[in-house]
Amino acid sequence: MHVLLLYPQFPDTFWSFKYALEFVGKRAALPPLGLLTIAALLPQTWSLRLVDTNVRALTDEDLAWADYAFLSAMAIQRTSAQRLVTRCKAAGLRVVAGGPLFTSAHAQFPDVDHFVLNEAELTLPPFLADLAQGRAQRLYTDLAFADLSQSPMPRWDLLDFRRYASMSLQFSRGCPFHCEFCNVTTLFGHRVRIKSTAQIIAELDQLHALGWRSDVFFVDDNFIGNRQFLKTELLPALLAWRAHKHGHTFFTEASINLADDAVLLDLMVRAGFTKVFIGIETPDEQCLAECDKGQNRHRDLVADVHRIQRAGLQVQGGFIVGFDHDQPSIFQRQLDFIQQSGIVTAMVGLLQAPLGTRLYKRLEKEGRLSAEFSGDNVDGTTNIIPVMNLETLRDGYRRLLHHLYAPAPYYQRIRTFLREYRTPHGQRPLEFADLLAIVRSIYRLGLLGRERYQYWRLLCWTQFRHPRLLIQAITLAIYGYHFRKTCEQHVRQPDLPRRKPLPSGHGEVG
């Protein structure tokens, strides 16, 4: 059996880092970890070929070689996924699809032959058994949650490492919190399931043996869901592993209560973690109560961010506007908070309601769903009818993006961050890609860019005040270039698109 593992292309988005990747000569920020895990579950006698269309094109030769195409996608990849399905069917291939997009929206893909949904550790084996006996069904689904101790090591050997800026692995699934707008618990539940320390070390050993020496993203939606295990098992093991395997740093996602645990913070930094994404959402207490974000309430969130930064972790933040309790002042409040906290990588999106979330169910009852969920956090669309006047929301959002990533406030935010930040332990050595990025940043930002004044001012300030953080400053300057290019696609629009009403009950998960 010859099988293509196909990953659809991402549009230009906040997290694609498309314009930043140009500086380091990479094609994609991260590999398709789900497909690599699927590959490990397939029969060893099958011939596999991974085609991540974010790093290379799908060719006619690929299609002629294959018998089947296995496709995985998220909501934001919908358009590219449909193109791939159409092309595979035209070539006579049978198509097997799974992942978040198809789990929620499989009815919208009539040309797909087989859907293997939910967690593949549970649904792929029965599909493969039926396929071997010539009686494969069209739909395989299971609402149970997999035991991650049985999850296989991903097939990273299928990758061309040169194309990617970072690698990824998964330690846990599930989140203990109940945020109304979040579909993580819909997909993975509230109980935090984990891999063993031995599994994680084995996966890192495999990456190292294959030649990877750079960043690794722990893709967990809340890495600190089992803090006791982290402190007693995994982080000490990572610390010991890095003492012998140099060149790796880690980043992940967590909740704001990470700021409360000084021991955990210290262990994470010493174990090699340098960045953490945190869903802060809003500084407004009423809005936090509205969306059931209890873990963020009654806190000094700016002080929490600074505490994490001082420990040695760069905080990347997620923010939302368009809650029912938002007032027109929220746009300035969000900007002020982001500037004061020094969160350089700040993703601000309009509130959306993914299918399956409590928010979706509430708004469906209220008759306030208006469109499909795009899956893009910063494309300026929303699938809900907001309480705030729609034009006020759209205009405020555009102005917020414009000010957030304009050169002057953005570079000021970098300096705020660098003042708070403690240089982390064991930074990885410079690679050729890093040197290439420095040279290209001098040319594109320092000589040609409209931000050249702020660029040189930042570099001079950093060299005199925090010389060990100069590479960090240049990296964040490059990020800013990407964020401006991406956000300006929406800011420049004369009006954000109106979406046609969607019949009740339709939507998708990203």
Protein backbone atom coordinates (compact mmCIF):
# COMPACT_ATOMS: atom_id res chain seq x y z
CA MET A 1 0.00 0.00 0.00
CA HIS A 2 1.35 3.43 -0.98
CA VAL A 3 -0.07 6.22 1.19
CA LEU A 4 0.25 9.99 0.94
CA LEU A 5 0.03 11.84 4.25
CA LEU A 6 -1.28 15.26 3.22
CA TYR A 7 -1.27 18.44 5.29
CA PRO A 8 -3.17 21.43 3.84
CA GLN A 9 -1.70 24.89 3.53
CA PHE A 10 -2.28 27.56 6.16
CA PRO A 11 -3.37 31.02 5.01
CA ASP A 12 -1.26 33.99 6.08
CA THR A 13 -2.13 34.34 9.76
CA PHE A 14 -0.76 35.68 13.02
CA TRP A 15 0.72 32.30 14.00
CA SER A 16 1.94 31.26 10.56
CA PHE A 17 4.99 33.54 11.02
CA LYS A 18 5.21 33.55 7.23
CA TYR A 19 7.02 36.87 6.93
CA ALA A 20 9.31 36.13 9.89
CA LEU A 21 10.27 32.73 8.47
CA GLU A 22 11.64 34.46 5.39
CA PHE A 23 14.42 35.89 7.57
CA VAL A 24 15.63 32.43 8.60
CA GLY A 25 15.05 30.63 5.31
CA LYS A 26 12.34 28.30 6.66
CA ARG A 27 8.99 27.35 5.14
CA ALA A 28 6.87 26.53 8.19
CA ALA A 29 6.92 27.22 11.91
CA LEU A 30 5.94 23.67 12.96
CA PRO A 31 5.49 20.21 11.41
CA PRO A 32 2.14 18.35 11.25
CA LEU A 33 2.46 16.42 14.51
CA GLY A 34 -0.95 14.76 14.15
CA LEU A 35 -0.06 13.22 10.80
CA LEU A 36 3.30 12.06 12.11
CA THR A 37 1.47 10.29 14.94
CA ILE A 38 -0.98 8.76 12.46
CA ALA A 39 2.00 7.51 10.45
CA ALA A 40 3.26 5.64 13.51
CA LEU A 41 -0.11 3.86 13.82
CA LEU A 42 -0.18 2.63 10.23
CA PRO A 43 1.08 -0.85 9.23
CA GLN A 44 4.87 -0.99 8.96
CA THR A 45 4.59 -2.73 5.60
CA TRP A 46 2.96 0.33 4.02
CA SER A 47 5.04 2.86 2.08
CA LEU A 48 4.44 6.38 3.39
CA ARG A 49 5.18 9.77 1.88
CA LEU A 50 4.49 12.99 3.80
CA VAL A 51 3.52 16.05 1.77
CA ASP A 52 3.16 19.13 3.96
CA THR A 53 1.93 21.66 1.40
CA ASN A 54 3.22 24.44 3.62
CA VAL A 55 6.77 23.43 2.72
CA ARG A 56 6.44 21.78 -0.71
CA ALA A 57 3.88 21.34 -3.46
CA LEU A 58 1.87 18.19 -4.05
CA THR A 59 3.02 16.88 -7.45
CA ASP A 60 1.42 14.72 -10.11
CA GLU A 61 4.18 12.18 -9.41
CA ASP A 62 3.04 11.99 -5.78
CA LEU A 63 -0.52 11.30 -6.87
CA ALA A 64 0.51 8.68 -9.44
CA TRP A 65 2.59 6.88 -6.78
CA ALA A 66 -0.17 6.66 -4.16
CA ASP A 67 -3.10 4.34 -3.55
CA TYR A 68 -4.61 6.29 -0.64
CA ALA A 69 -4.40 9.84 0.72
CA PHE A 70 -4.67 10.41 4.47
CA LEU A 71 -5.60 14.02 5.19
CA SER A 72 -5.63 15.90 8.51
CA ALA A 73 -6.66 19.52 8.96
CA MET A 74 -7.78 22.27 11.31
CA ALA A 75 -10.61 24.71 10.65
CA ILE A 76 -8.34 27.41 9.31
CA GLN A 77 -7.10 25.01 6.62
CA ARG A 78 -10.59 24.36 5.22
CA THR A 79 -10.07 25.92 1.77
CA SER A 80 -6.76 24.18 1.15
CA ALA A 81 -8.15 20.89 2.47
CA GLN A 82 -11.03 21.01 -0.01
CA ARG A 83 -8.60 21.64 -2.87
CA LEU A 84 -6.52 18.63 -1.83
CA VAL A 85 -9.58 16.38 -1.61
CA THR A 86 -10.72 17.46 -5.08
CA ARG A 87 -7.28 16.88 -6.57
CA CYS A 88 -6.88 13.45 -4.96
CA LYS A 89 -10.28 12.30 -6.16
CA ALA A 90 -9.53 13.51 -9.68
CA ALA A 91 -6.39 11.37 -9.58
CA GLY A 92 -8.39 8.30 -8.57
CA LEU A 93 -7.21 8.09 -4.96
CA ARG A 94 -9.35 7.08 -2.03
CA VAL A 95 -9.29 9.75 0.68
CA VAL A 96 -9.23 9.18 4.44
CA ALA A 97 -9.72 12.31 6.56
CA GLY A 98 -9.49 13.19 10.24
CA GLY A 99 -8.52 15.98 12.60
CA PRO A 100 -10.50 18.88 14.12
CA LEU A 101 -11.89 20.21 10.82
CA PHE A 102 -13.42 16.91 9.77
CA THR A 103 -14.46 15.90 13.28
CA SER A 104 -16.90 18.81 13.30
CA ALA A 105 -17.62 19.36 9.60
CA HIS A 106 -17.36 15.99 7.87
CA ALA A 107 -20.83 16.41 6.36
CA GLN A 108 -19.44 19.27 4.29
CA PHE A 109 -16.94 17.00 2.50
CA PRO A 110 -19.02 14.53 0.47
CA ASP A 111 -16.06 13.45 -1.69
CA VAL A 112 -14.09 11.99 1.22
CA ASP A 113 -14.31 8.20 1.26
CA HIS A 114 -13.60 7.52 4.94
CA PHE A 115 -13.65 9.69 8.05
CA VAL A 116 -11.52 8.62 11.03
CA LEU A 117 -12.49 11.15 13.70
CA ASN A 118 -11.78 12.10 17.31
CA GLU A 119 -8.61 10.58 18.82
CA ALA A 120 -6.89 8.36 16.25
CA GLU A 121 -5.39 6.03 18.86
CA LEU A 122 -9.00 4.79 19.32
CA THR A 123 -10.59 5.17 15.88
CA LEU A 124 -7.79 4.31 13.46
CA PRO A 125 -7.24 0.65 14.52
CA PRO A 126 -10.84 -0.45 13.78
CA PHE A 127 -10.70 1.35 10.43
CA LEU A 128 -7.47 -0.42 9.52
CA ALA A 129 -8.91 -3.78 10.58
CA ASP A 130 -12.00 -3.25 8.43
CA LEU A 131 -9.90 -2.00 5.52
CA ALA A 132 -7.76 -5.16 5.61
CA GLN A 133 -10.93 -7.26 5.34
CA GLY A 134 -12.36 -5.15 2.50
CA ARG A 135 -15.31 -3.78 4.51
CA ALA A 136 -14.19 -0.33 5.58
CA GLN A 137 -17.06 1.95 6.66
CA ARG A 138 -17.35 5.64 5.86
CA LEU A 139 -17.39 6.96 9.43
CA TYR A 140 -15.37 5.98 12.50
CA THR A 141 -15.87 7.93 15.70
CA ASP A 142 -15.37 7.40 19.41
CA LEU A 143 -16.14 9.91 22.16
CA ALA A 144 -13.85 8.18 24.65
CA PHE A 145 -10.39 9.59 25.39
CA ALA A 146 -7.19 7.71 24.63
CA ASP A 147 -4.63 6.52 27.14
CA LEU A 148 -1.57 8.55 26.14
CA SER A 149 0.77 5.92 27.56
CA GLN A 150 -0.26 3.92 24.48
CA SER A 151 0.30 6.74 22.02
CA PRO A 152 3.18 5.93 19.65
CA MET A 153 6.30 7.94 18.96
CA PRO A 154 5.65 10.23 15.97
CA ARG A 155 7.42 9.41 12.69
CA TRP A 156 9.73 12.44 12.55
CA ASP A 157 11.92 10.54 10.09
CA LEU A 158 9.36 11.47 7.40
CA LEU A 159 10.22 15.16 7.76
CA ASP A 160 12.71 17.37 5.99
CA PHE A 161 13.95 19.16 9.11
CA ARG A 162 15.54 21.93 7.07
CA ARG A 163 12.11 23.32 6.21
CA TYR A 164 10.92 23.92 9.79
CA ALA A 165 11.73 26.53 12.41
CA SER A 166 10.71 24.32 15.37
CA MET A 167 9.74 20.76 16.16
CA SER A 168 6.74 19.77 18.28
CA LEU A 169 5.74 17.03 20.68
CA GLN A 170 2.80 16.43 22.98
CA PHE A 171 3.00 15.68 26.68
CA SER A 172 -0.66 15.98 27.69
CA ARG A 173 -4.23 16.38 26.47
CA GLY A 174 -7.11 17.99 28.32
CA CYS A 175 -7.54 21.07 30.49
CA PRO A 176 -9.04 21.40 33.99
CA PHE A 177 -10.70 24.77 33.28
CA HIS A 178 -14.09 25.63 31.79
CA CYS A 179 -13.66 28.68 29.54
CA GLU A 180 -16.97 29.16 27.72
CA PHE A 181 -15.48 29.94 24.30
CA CYS A 182 -12.82 27.20 24.26
CA ASN A 183 -13.23 23.91 22.40
CA VAL A 184 -10.20 22.20 23.93
CA THR A 185 -12.31 20.40 26.52
CA THR A 186 -14.86 19.49 23.81
CA LEU A 187 -12.08 17.76 21.90
CA PHE A 188 -9.95 16.42 24.75
CA GLY A 189 -11.94 16.63 28.00
CA HIS A 190 -11.25 18.15 31.41
CA ARG A 191 -9.17 15.30 32.78
CA VAL A 192 -5.49 15.93 32.06
CA ARG A 193 -3.99 12.82 30.46
CA ILE A 194 -0.22 12.58 30.23
CA LYS A 195 2.57 10.63 28.65
CA SER A 196 5.22 9.13 30.88
CA THR A 197 8.56 10.80 31.41
CA ALA A 198 10.18 7.86 29.62
CA GLN A 199 8.01 8.52 26.55
CA ILE A 200 8.96 12.20 26.41
CA ILE A 201 12.67 11.53 26.85
CA ALA A 202 12.51 8.82 24.17
CA GLU A 203 10.84 11.27 21.76
CA LEU A 204 13.48 13.90 22.47
CA ASP A 205 16.23 11.33 22.02
CA GLN A 206 14.78 10.44 18.64
CA LEU A 207 14.66 14.08 17.55
CA HIS A 208 18.24 14.54 18.71
CA ALA A 209 19.39 11.37 16.91
CA LEU A 210 17.83 12.65 13.69
CA GLY A 211 19.91 15.80 13.98
CA TRP A 212 17.50 18.32 15.48
CA ARG A 213 19.28 20.87 17.70
CA SER A 214 16.82 23.74 18.01
CA ASP A 215 13.46 24.71 19.56
CA VAL A 216 10.82 22.16 20.55
CA PHE A 217 7.20 23.17 21.13
CA PHE A 218 5.24 21.24 23.76
CA VAL A 219 1.86 21.60 22.04
CA ASP A 220 -0.23 20.95 25.17
CA ASP A 221 -3.13 23.37 25.54
CA ASN A 222 -2.24 23.69 29.21
CA PHE A 223 1.20 22.29 29.98
CA ILE A 224 0.78 22.79 33.74
CA GLY A 225 -2.43 20.79 34.05
CA ASN A 226 -0.58 18.27 36.25
CA ARG A 227 1.87 20.45 38.18
CA GLN A 228 2.91 17.81 40.69
CA PHE A 229 4.06 15.42 37.96
CA LEU A 230 5.95 18.22 36.26
CA LYS A 231 7.80 19.19 39.42
CA THR A 232 8.65 15.69 40.60
CA GLU A 233 9.07 13.80 37.33
CA LEU A 234 9.19 15.48 33.94
CA LEU A 235 11.03 18.75 34.54
CA PRO A 236 13.86 17.19 36.59
CA ALA A 237 14.25 14.63 33.79
CA LEU A 238 14.36 17.36 31.15
CA LEU A 239 16.93 19.25 33.17
CA ALA A 240 19.14 16.16 33.35
CA TRP A 241 18.59 15.40 29.65
CA ARG A 242 19.68 18.86 28.56
CA ALA A 243 22.87 18.55 30.56
CA HIS A 244 24.02 16.00 27.98
CA LYS A 245 22.00 16.96 24.87
CA HIS A 246 22.82 20.56 24.08
CA GLY A 247 21.13 22.93 21.66
CA HIS A 248 17.47 22.49 22.58
CA THR A 249 15.09 24.99 24.13
CA PHE A 250 11.38 24.53 24.76
CA PHE A 251 8.21 26.59 24.65
CA THR A 252 4.60 25.79 25.48
CA GLU A 253 1.15 27.03 26.56
CA ALA A 254 -0.12 27.42 30.13
CA SER A 255 -2.64 29.22 32.31
CA ILE A 256 -1.90 32.41 34.24
CA ASN A 257 -1.77 30.60 37.59
CA LEU A 258 1.72 29.57 36.55
CA ALA A 259 2.69 32.90 38.12
CA ASP A 260 1.69 31.56 41.55
CA ASP A 261 4.19 28.71 41.60
CA ALA A 262 7.76 29.99 41.97
CA VAL A 263 9.16 26.44 42.20
CA LEU A 264 7.48 25.39 38.96
CA LEU A 265 8.62 28.57 37.21
CA ASP A 266 12.20 28.04 38.28
CA LEU A 267 12.16 24.39 37.22
CA MET A 268 10.70 25.20 33.81
CA VAL A 269 13.34 27.84 33.12
CA ARG A 270 16.20 25.63 34.30
CA ALA A 271 14.83 22.77 32.20
CA GLY A 272 15.10 24.93 29.09
CA PHE A 273 11.71 26.61 28.63
CA THR A 274 11.99 30.13 27.21
CA LYS A 275 8.45 31.09 26.11
CA VAL A 276 4.90 30.43 27.24
CA PHE A 277 1.61 31.38 25.60
CA ILE A 278 -1.12 32.40 28.06
CA GLY A 279 -4.77 33.13 27.33
CA ILE A 280 -5.28 36.41 29.19
CA GLU A 281 -8.31 37.41 27.08
CA THR A 282 -9.29 40.68 28.75
CA PRO A 283 -8.53 42.99 31.70
CA ASP A 284 -12.28 43.41 32.31
CA GLU A 285 -13.57 41.48 35.33
CA GLN A 286 -17.15 41.32 34.07
CA CYS A 287 -16.03 39.80 30.78
CA LEU A 288 -13.84 37.25 32.58
CA ALA A 289 -16.87 36.26 34.68
CA GLU A 290 -19.04 36.12 31.54
CA CYS A 291 -16.75 33.61 29.81
CA ASP A 292 -16.13 31.61 33.01
CA LYS A 293 -12.41 32.40 32.99
CA GLY A 294 -12.25 32.06 36.75
CA GLN A 295 -8.52 31.39 36.84
CA ASN A 296 -7.89 34.93 35.54
CA ARG A 297 -10.27 36.77 37.87
CA HIS A 298 -9.38 38.88 40.91
CA ARG A 299 -5.72 39.03 39.96
CA ASP A 300 -3.22 41.73 39.13
CA LEU A 301 -2.61 40.36 35.66
CA VAL A 302 0.15 42.82 34.80
CA ALA A 303 2.04 41.82 37.94
CA ASP A 304 1.48 38.14 37.09
CA VAL A 305 2.97 38.64 33.63
CA HIS A 306 5.96 40.48 35.04
CA ARG A 307 6.54 37.72 37.60
CA ILE A 308 6.71 35.13 34.81
CA GLN A 309 8.98 37.35 32.71
CA ARG A 310 11.35 37.93 35.62
CA ALA A 311 11.59 34.18 36.11
CA GLY A 312 12.97 33.90 32.57
CA LEU A 313 9.93 33.13 30.41
CA GLN A 314 8.72 35.36 27.60
CA VAL A 315 4.93 35.63 27.86
CA GLN A 316 2.97 35.49 24.63
CA GLY A 317 -0.64 36.48 25.15
CA GLY A 318 -4.06 35.84 23.67
CA PHE A 319 -6.71 38.58 23.91
CA ILE A 320 -10.36 38.86 22.87
CA VAL A 321 -12.74 41.74 22.17
CA GLY A 322 -16.46 41.40 21.55
CA PHE A 323 -17.69 39.98 24.85
CA ASP A 324 -21.25 40.89 25.80
CA HIS A 325 -20.02 43.13 28.62
CA ASP A 326 -17.43 44.96 26.53
CA GLN A 327 -17.83 48.72 26.36
CA PRO A 328 -16.31 50.95 23.63
CA SER A 329 -13.49 51.73 26.07
CA ILE A 330 -12.27 48.13 25.90
CA PHE A 331 -10.04 48.77 22.89
CA GLN A 332 -7.96 51.38 24.71
CA ARG A 333 -7.97 49.25 27.88
CA GLN A 334 -6.62 46.27 25.96
CA LEU A 335 -3.91 48.39 24.35
CA ASP A 336 -2.91 49.91 27.69
CA PHE A 337 -2.74 46.50 29.34
CA ILE A 338 -0.60 45.00 26.58
CA GLN A 339 1.77 47.96 26.59
CA GLN A 340 2.16 47.98 30.38
CA SER A 341 2.69 44.23 30.62
CA GLY A 342 5.33 44.13 27.90
CA ILE A 343 3.63 41.24 26.07
CA VAL A 344 5.33 41.67 22.72
CA THR A 345 3.56 38.81 20.94
CA ALA A 346 -0.05 39.78 21.63
CA MET A 347 -2.74 38.07 19.56
CA VAL A 348 -6.01 40.00 19.68
CA GLY A 349 -9.08 38.55 18.00
CA LEU A 350 -12.82 39.05 17.84
CA LEU A 351 -14.83 36.64 19.98
CA GLN A 352 -15.86 33.53 18.03
CA ALA A 353 -17.94 30.52 19.01
CA PRO A 354 -16.56 27.15 17.84
CA LEU A 355 -19.08 24.35 17.47
CA GLY A 356 -19.42 22.23 20.59
CA THR A 357 -18.46 24.96 23.05
CA ARG A 358 -20.79 26.21 25.74
CA LEU A 359 -20.63 29.63 24.08
CA TYR A 360 -21.91 28.15 20.81
CA LYS A 361 -24.80 26.44 22.57
CA ARG A 362 -25.73 29.59 24.49
CA LEU A 363 -25.67 31.83 21.44
CA GLU A 364 -27.55 29.25 19.39
CA LYS A 365 -30.38 29.37 21.94
CA GLU A 366 -30.30 33.18 21.80
CA GLY A 367 -30.41 33.20 18.00
CA ARG A 368 -27.06 35.02 17.80
CA LEU A 369 -25.02 32.79 15.47
CA SER A 370 -24.41 34.44 12.13
CA ALA A 371 -21.69 32.59 10.22
CA GLU A 372 -19.22 29.71 10.16
CA PHE A 373 -16.25 29.69 12.50
CA SER A 374 -13.25 30.75 10.39
CA GLY A 375 -10.59 29.29 12.69
CA ASP A 376 -8.41 32.40 12.21
CA ASN A 377 -8.06 34.38 15.43
CA VAL A 378 -7.13 37.67 13.78
CA ASP A 379 -8.92 37.71 10.42
CA GLY A 380 -11.42 40.27 11.70
CA THR A 381 -14.45 37.99 11.36
CA THR A 382 -16.82 36.63 13.95
CA ASN A 383 -19.60 34.06 13.77
CA ILE A 384 -21.69 35.75 16.48
CA ILE A 385 -23.99 38.75 16.64
CA PRO A 386 -22.36 40.93 19.32
CA VAL A 387 -24.10 43.06 21.92
CA MET A 388 -21.86 45.99 21.00
CA ASN A 389 -22.82 47.83 17.84
CA LEU A 390 -21.20 45.89 15.02
CA GLU A 391 -19.65 48.91 13.35
CA THR A 392 -18.25 50.11 16.68
CA LEU A 393 -16.72 46.67 17.26
CA ARG A 394 -15.20 46.49 13.79
CA ASP A 395 -13.81 50.02 13.89
CA GLY A 396 -12.43 49.60 17.40
CA TYR A 397 -10.79 46.31 16.46
CA ARG A 398 -9.11 47.80 13.40
CA ARG A 399 -7.80 50.75 15.41
CA LEU A 400 -6.52 48.42 18.13
CA LEU A 401 -4.57 46.32 15.63
CA HIS A 402 -3.19 49.43 13.95
CA HIS A 403 -1.85 50.88 17.20
CA LEU A 404 -0.72 47.55 18.64
CA TYR A 405 1.72 46.79 15.84
CA ALA A 406 2.68 50.26 14.66
CA PRO A 407 6.47 50.56 15.01
CA ALA A 408 6.58 53.07 17.89
CA PRO A 409 4.33 51.24 20.40
CA TYR A 410 5.62 47.83 19.31
CA TYR A 411 9.27 48.70 19.88
CA GLN A 412 8.38 50.41 23.14
CA ARG A 413 6.77 47.15 24.23
CA ILE A 414 9.95 45.23 23.42
CA ARG A 415 11.92 47.52 25.72
CA THR A 416 9.32 47.08 28.48
CA PHE A 417 9.69 43.33 28.16
CA LEU A 418 13.50 43.36 28.12
CA ARG A 419 13.56 45.46 31.30
CA GLU A 420 11.60 42.76 33.12
CA TYR A 421 13.09 39.68 31.50
CA ARG A 422 15.73 37.54 33.12
CA THR A 423 18.09 35.86 30.66
CA PRO A 424 17.11 32.16 30.70
CA HIS A 425 19.43 29.30 31.52
CA GLY A 426 21.29 27.47 28.78
CA GLN A 427 20.31 29.42 25.70
CA ARG A 428 20.93 27.45 22.53
CA PRO A 429 23.97 28.43 20.47
CA LEU A 430 23.59 30.57 17.38
CA GLU A 431 22.93 28.69 14.16
CA PHE A 432 23.50 29.72 10.56
CA ALA A 433 19.78 30.56 10.29
CA ASP A 434 20.17 32.98 13.22
CA LEU A 435 23.08 34.76 11.57
CA LEU A 436 21.12 34.91 8.33
CA ALA A 437 18.20 36.49 10.18
CA ILE A 438 20.45 39.13 11.73
CA VAL A 439 21.86 40.15 8.35
CA ARG A 440 18.45 40.22 6.71
CA SER A 441 16.94 42.21 9.56
CA ILE A 442 19.64 44.88 9.20
CA TYR A 443 18.84 45.14 5.49
CA ARG A 444 15.04 44.90 5.58
CA LEU A 445 14.30 46.63 8.87
CA GLY A 446 17.36 48.77 9.54
CA LEU A 447 17.93 50.10 6.01
CA LEU A 448 14.68 49.76 4.05
CA GLY A 449 11.97 49.45 6.71
CA ARG A 450 9.73 52.27 7.83
CA GLU A 451 10.63 51.18 11.36
CA ARG A 452 14.39 51.73 10.84
CA TYR A 453 14.57 54.52 13.44
CA GLN A 454 12.93 52.33 16.09
CA TYR A 455 15.03 49.33 14.99
CA TRP A 456 18.39 51.04 15.47
CA ARG A 457 17.24 52.75 18.64
CA LEU A 458 16.25 49.35 20.08
CA LEU A 459 19.55 47.73 19.13
CA CYS A 460 21.59 50.56 20.63
CA TRP A 461 19.47 50.61 23.79
CA THR A 462 19.75 46.82 24.18
CA GLN A 463 23.50 46.78 23.54
CA PHE A 464 24.08 49.30 26.34
CA ARG A 465 21.42 48.16 28.82
CA HIS A 466 20.99 44.40 28.22
CA PRO A 467 23.72 43.20 25.84
CA ARG A 468 23.02 39.50 26.48
CA LEU A 469 19.51 40.02 25.08
CA LEU A 470 20.54 41.54 21.76
CA ILE A 471 19.57 38.44 19.75
CA GLN A 472 16.24 38.38 21.57
CA ALA A 473 15.65 42.01 20.61
CA ILE A 474 16.40 41.33 16.94
CA THR A 475 14.12 38.28 16.96
CA LEU A 476 11.24 40.32 18.36
CA ALA A 477 11.88 43.07 15.81
CA ILE A 478 11.51 40.44 13.07
CA TYR A 479 8.30 39.16 14.68
CA GLY A 480 6.96 42.71 14.58
CA TYR A 481 7.55 42.86 10.84
CA HIS A 482 5.44 39.72 10.40
CA PHE A 483 2.68 40.95 12.71
CA ARG A 484 2.42 44.29 10.89
CA LYS A 485 2.28 42.64 7.49
CA THR A 486 -0.41 40.24 8.67
CA CYS A 487 -2.53 42.73 10.60
CA GLU A 488 -2.37 45.38 7.90
CA GLN A 489 -4.25 43.00 5.61
CA HIS A 490 -7.24 43.57 7.88
CA VAL A 491 -6.62 47.16 9.02
CA ARG A 492 -6.53 48.40 5.43
CA GLN A 493 -9.85 46.86 4.54
CA PRO A 494 -12.52 49.57 4.13
CA ASP A 495 -14.91 47.27 5.93
CA LEU A 496 -14.66 43.84 7.45
CA PRO A 497 -16.75 41.38 5.47
CA ARG A 498 -20.30 40.68 6.45
CA ARG A 499 -21.03 36.98 6.60
CA LYS A 500 -24.27 35.41 5.39
CA PRO A 501 -26.43 33.92 8.15
CA LEU A 502 -25.76 30.24 8.81
CA PRO A 503 -28.63 27.84 9.48
CA SER A 504 -28.87 26.80 13.13
CA GLY A 505 -26.70 23.83 14.05
CA HIS A 506 -23.94 24.39 11.50
CA GLY A 507 -20.41 25.32 12.41
CA GLU A 508 -17.00 23.79 12.98
CA VAL A 509 -14.22 23.31 15.44
CA GLY A 510 -10.68 24.56 14.85
